[in-house]
C-alpha cells in the first residue's frame, strides 16, 4: 500500500482511535478533575496524532523524525496520566490494563516508525553556525 497522506499512516489512525477512547474515558472521570487530569489526558491524547500529522507536513527529513519523537513523548505522558487515574480509583484495573495495552502497542509502532525514519530520511543540512557574516562592501 502506498502512503500518500498522513491519514494513511497506521500510527496516525491508531493515534486517532486512542484519542477517541481517551475522550470517552475522560467523560467518566469526576468533574473536579476537569481542569487537572482530564485536560492533561485529552491534550496528551490529541498531541499523539497531531504531531504525527505535523511531522508528515514538514516533509521527509529530520523534522519529521523530531515530531514522531514528540508524539512518542506525548504517549508516555498519556500512559502516566491513565495510571494516575487508575491509582486514584477513577479507572477500573481492567480498563486501565486495556488502555495500557493500547498505549504500549502504539508506542511500539511509533518506535518502529521512528527507527525507520532515522535510517532512511533525507538528511537535512544543519544550519550554518559560527560562520561570520559577509563584510559589507562600500
C-alpha atoms as a PDB file:
ATOM      1  CA  UNK A   1       0.000   0.000   0.000  1.00  0.00           C
ATOM      2  CA  UNK A   2       1.348   3.385  -0.958  1.00  0.00           C
ATOM      3  CA  UNK A   3       1.167   6.023   1.730  1.00  0.00           C
ATOM      4  CA  UNK A   4       0.146   9.309   0.168  1.00  0.00           C
ATOM      5  CA  UNK A   5      -1.258  11.200   3.131  1.00  0.00           C
ATOM      6  CA  UNK A   6      -0.649  11.155   6.866  1.00  0.00           C
ATOM      7  CA  UNK A   7      -4.150   9.695   7.263  1.00  0.00           C
ATOM      8  CA  UNK A   8      -2.807   6.545   5.576  1.00  0.00           C
ATOM      9  CA  UNK A   9      -0.256   6.009   8.344  1.00  0.00           C
ATOM     10  CA  UNK A  10      -1.246   3.226  10.719  1.00  0.00           C
ATOM     11  CA  UNK A  11       0.257   5.114  13.662  1.00  0.00           C
ATOM     12  CA  UNK A  12      -1.879   8.159  12.886  1.00  0.00           C
ATOM     13  CA  UNK A  13      -5.027   6.012  12.574  1.00  0.00           C
ATOM     14  CA  UNK A  14      -4.330   4.225  15.842  1.00  0.00           C
ATOM     15  CA  UNK A  15      -3.494   7.542  17.489  1.00  0.00           C
ATOM     16  CA  UNK A  16      -6.880   8.882  16.438  1.00  0.00           C
ATOM     17  CA  UNK A  17      -8.625   5.742  17.735  1.00  0.00           C
ATOM     18  CA  UNK A  18      -6.801   6.143  21.040  1.00  0.00           C
ATOM     19  CA  UNK A  19      -7.787   9.816  21.164  1.00  0.00           C
ATOM     20  CA  UNK A  20     -11.477   8.916  20.850  1.00  0.00           C
ATOM     21  CA  UNK A  21     -11.158   6.285  23.570  1.00  0.00           C
ATOM     22  CA  UNK A  22      -9.346   8.675  25.916  1.00  0.00           C
ATOM     23  CA  UNK A  23     -12.084  11.267  25.479  1.00  0.00           C
ATOM     24  CA  UNK A  24     -14.650   8.599  26.386  1.00  0.00           C
ATOM     25  CA  UNK A  25     -12.645   7.642  29.462  1.00  0.00           C
ATOM     26  CA  UNK A  26     -12.239  11.322  30.394  1.00  0.00           C
ATOM     27  CA  UNK A  27     -16.020  11.767  30.328  1.00  0.00           C
ATOM     28  CA  UNK A  28     -16.289   9.161  33.088  1.00  0.00           C
ATOM     29  CA  UNK A  29     -13.853  10.919  35.439  1.00  0.00           C
ATOM     30  CA  UNK A  30     -15.083  13.152  38.272  1.00  0.00           C
ATOM     31  CA  UNK A  31     -15.857  16.732  37.314  1.00  0.00           C
ATOM     32  CA  UNK A  32     -13.394  18.012  39.918  1.00  0.00           C
ATOM     33  CA  UNK A  33     -10.635  16.690  37.625  1.00  0.00           C
ATOM     34  CA  UNK A  34     -11.869  18.804  34.668  1.00  0.00           C
ATOM     35  CA  UNK A  35      -9.005  21.308  34.855  1.00  0.00           C
ATOM     36  CA  UNK A  36      -6.360  18.877  36.015  1.00  0.00           C
ATOM     37  CA  UNK A  37      -6.203  15.269  34.969  1.00  0.00           C
ATOM     38  CA  UNK A  38      -8.917  15.377  32.301  1.00  0.00           C
ATOM     39  CA  UNK A  39      -7.404  18.338  30.459  1.00  0.00           C
ATOM     40  CA  UNK A  40      -3.922  16.839  30.638  1.00  0.00           C
ATOM     41  CA  UNK A  41      -5.096  13.451  29.365  1.00  0.00           C
ATOM     42  CA  UNK A  42      -7.023  14.954  26.477  1.00  0.00           C
ATOM     43  CA  UNK A  43      -4.134  17.239  25.480  1.00  0.00           C
ATOM     44  CA  UNK A  44      -1.658  14.365  25.530  1.00  0.00           C
ATOM     45  CA  UNK A  45      -4.018  12.131  23.543  1.00  0.00           C
ATOM     46  CA  UNK A  46      -4.587  14.886  20.983  1.00  0.00           C
ATOM     47  CA  UNK A  47      -0.857  15.506  20.721  1.00  0.00           C
ATOM     48  CA  UNK A  48      -0.080  11.959  19.563  1.00  0.00           C
ATOM     49  CA  UNK A  49      -1.785  12.002  16.127  1.00  0.00           C
ATOM     50  CA  UNK A  50      -1.362  15.779  15.788  1.00  0.00           C
ATOM     51  CA  UNK A  51       2.424  15.546  15.939  1.00  0.00           C
ATOM     52  CA  UNK A  52       2.449  12.613  13.529  1.00  0.00           C
ATOM     53  CA  UNK A  53       0.483  14.779  11.078  1.00  0.00           C
ATOM     54  CA  UNK A  54       2.696  17.816  11.660  1.00  0.00           C
ATOM     55  CA  UNK A  55       5.818  15.768  11.067  1.00  0.00           C
ATOM     56  CA  UNK A  56       4.344  14.484   7.820  1.00  0.00           C
ATOM     57  CA  UNK A  57       3.591  18.025   6.776  1.00  0.00           C
ATOM     58  CA  UNK A  58       7.200  19.045   7.284  1.00  0.00           C
ATOM     59  CA  UNK A  59       8.414  16.514   4.742  1.00  0.00           C
ATOM     60  CA  UNK A  60      10.739  13.588   4.898  1.00  0.00           C
ATOM     61  CA  UNK A  61      13.657  14.682   6.971  1.00  0.00           C
ATOM     62  CA  UNK A  62      14.906  15.305  10.453  1.00  0.00           C
ATOM     63  CA  UNK A  63      11.853  17.442  11.232  1.00  0.00           C
ATOM     64  CA  UNK A  64       9.542  14.509  10.609  1.00  0.00           C
ATOM     65  CA  UNK A  65      11.590  12.290  12.924  1.00  0.00           C
ATOM     66  CA  UNK A  66      11.559  15.063  15.547  1.00  0.00           C
ATOM     67  CA  UNK A  67       7.755  15.239  15.551  1.00  0.00           C
ATOM     68  CA  UNK A  68       7.493  11.447  15.765  1.00  0.00           C
ATOM     69  CA  UNK A  69       9.622  11.716  18.927  1.00  0.00           C
ATOM     70  CA  UNK A  70       7.261  14.354  20.332  1.00  0.00           C
ATOM     71  CA  UNK A  71       4.337  12.066  19.552  1.00  0.00           C
ATOM     72  CA  UNK A  72       6.023   9.230  21.428  1.00  0.00           C
ATOM     73  CA  UNK A  73       6.704  11.504  24.408  1.00  0.00           C
ATOM     74  CA  UNK A  74       3.035  12.513  24.489  1.00  0.00           C
ATOM     75  CA  UNK A  75       2.100   8.844  24.500  1.00  0.00           C
ATOM     76  CA  UNK A  76       4.306   8.258  27.561  1.00  0.00           C
ATOM     77  CA  UNK A  77       2.691  11.264  29.210  1.00  0.00           C
ATOM     78  CA  UNK A  78      -0.769   9.861  28.473  1.00  0.00           C
ATOM     79  CA  UNK A  79       0.182   6.437  29.803  1.00  0.00           C
ATOM     80  CA  UNK A  80       1.316   8.050  33.062  1.00  0.00           C
ATOM     81  CA  UNK A  81      -1.928  10.012  33.350  1.00  0.00           C
ATOM     82  CA  UNK A  82      -4.007   6.890  32.783  1.00  0.00           C
ATOM     83  CA  UNK A  83      -2.043   5.123  35.523  1.00  0.00           C
ATOM     84  CA  UNK A  84      -2.640   8.101  37.808  1.00  0.00           C
ATOM     85  CA  UNK A  85      -6.371   7.820  37.098  1.00  0.00           C
ATOM     86  CA  UNK A  86      -6.231   4.120  37.997  1.00  0.00           C
ATOM     87  CA  UNK A  87      -4.335   4.745  41.217  1.00  0.00           C
ATOM     88  CA  UNK A  88      -6.798   7.464  42.189  1.00  0.00           C
ATOM     89  CA  UNK A  89      -9.611   4.947  41.749  1.00  0.00           C
ATOM     90  CA  UNK A  90     -11.118   6.626  38.682  1.00  0.00           C
ATOM     91  CA  UNK A  91     -10.437   3.704  36.336  1.00  0.00           C
ATOM     92  CA  UNK A  92     -11.020   0.029  36.943  1.00  0.00           C
ATOM     93  CA  UNK A  93      -7.963  -2.201  36.825  1.00  0.00           C
ATOM     94  CA  UNK A  94      -9.405  -3.885  33.728  1.00  0.00           C
ATOM     95  CA  UNK A  95      -9.965  -0.649  31.803  1.00  0.00           C
ATOM     96  CA  UNK A  96      -6.555   0.660  32.864  1.00  0.00           C
ATOM     97  CA  UNK A  97      -4.936  -2.573  31.630  1.00  0.00           C
ATOM     98  CA  UNK A  98      -6.750  -2.288  28.293  1.00  0.00           C
ATOM     99  CA  UNK A  99      -5.636   1.317  27.872  1.00  0.00           C
ATOM    100  CA  UNK A 100      -2.067   0.389  28.857  1.00  0.00           C
ATOM    101  CA  UNK A 101      -2.038  -2.323  26.213  1.00  0.00           C
ATOM    102  CA  UNK A 102      -3.269   0.159  23.603  1.00  0.00           C
ATOM    103  CA  UNK A 103      -0.651   2.750  24.501  1.00  0.00           C
ATOM    104  CA  UNK A 104       2.109   0.123  24.612  1.00  0.00           C
ATOM    105  CA  UNK A 105       1.144  -1.290  21.205  1.00  0.00           C
ATOM    106  CA  UNK A 106       1.001   2.155  19.642  1.00  0.00           C
ATOM    107  CA  UNK A 107       4.302   3.041  21.295  1.00  0.00           C
ATOM    108  CA  UNK A 108       5.982   0.045  19.665  1.00  0.00           C
ATOM    109  CA  UNK A 109       4.672   1.091  16.256  1.00  0.00           C
ATOM    110  CA  UNK A 110       5.774   4.678  16.779  1.00  0.00           C
ATOM    111  CA  UNK A 111       9.227   3.409  17.790  1.00  0.00           C
ATOM    112  CA  UNK A 112       9.398   1.326  14.606  1.00  0.00           C
ATOM    113  CA  UNK A 113       8.402   4.317  12.509  1.00  0.00           C
ATOM    114  CA  UNK A 114      10.987   6.484  14.201  1.00  0.00           C
ATOM    115  CA  UNK A 115      13.718   3.891  13.674  1.00  0.00           C
ATOM    116  CA  UNK A 116      12.796   3.558  10.007  1.00  0.00           C
ATOM    117  CA  UNK A 117      12.753   7.323   9.549  1.00  0.00           C
ATOM    118  CA  UNK A 118      16.123   7.766  11.198  1.00  0.00           C
ATOM    119  CA  UNK A 119      17.628   5.164   8.887  1.00  0.00           C
ATOM    120  CA  UNK A 120      16.009   6.351   5.666  1.00  0.00           C
ATOM    121  CA  UNK A 121      15.354  10.052   5.933  1.00  0.00           C
ATOM    122  CA  UNK A 122      16.795  12.502   3.539  1.00  0.00           C
ATOM    123  CA  UNK A 123      19.350  14.221   5.694  1.00  0.00           C
ATOM    124  CA  UNK A 124      18.758  17.896   6.154  1.00  0.00           C
ATOM    125  CA  UNK A 125      21.790  20.095   6.146  1.00  0.00           C
ATOM    126  CA  UNK A 126      22.299  21.750   9.516  1.00  0.00           C
ATOM    127  CA  UNK A 127      22.064  25.484   9.606  1.00  0.00           C
ATOM    128  CA  UNK A 128      25.473  27.087   9.458  1.00  0.00           C
ATOM    129  CA  UNK A 129      26.730  28.083  12.839  1.00  0.00           C
ATOM    130  CA  UNK A 130      29.639  30.314  13.627  1.00  0.00           C
ATOM    131  CA  UNK A 131      30.152  31.422  10.066  1.00  0.00           C
ATOM    132  CA  UNK A 132      30.976  35.099  10.031  1.00  0.00           C
ATOM    133  CA  UNK A 133      28.551  37.393   8.306  1.00  0.00           C
ATOM    134  CA  UNK A 134      29.738  38.723   4.987  1.00  0.00           C
ATOM    135  CA  UNK A 135      31.559  42.012   5.290  1.00  0.00           C
ATOM    136  CA  UNK A 136      29.554  44.779   3.661  1.00  0.00           C
ATOM    137  CA  UNK A 137      31.256  46.355   0.690  1.00  0.00           C
ATOM    138  CA  UNK A 138      31.080  50.068   0.031  1.00  0.00           C
END
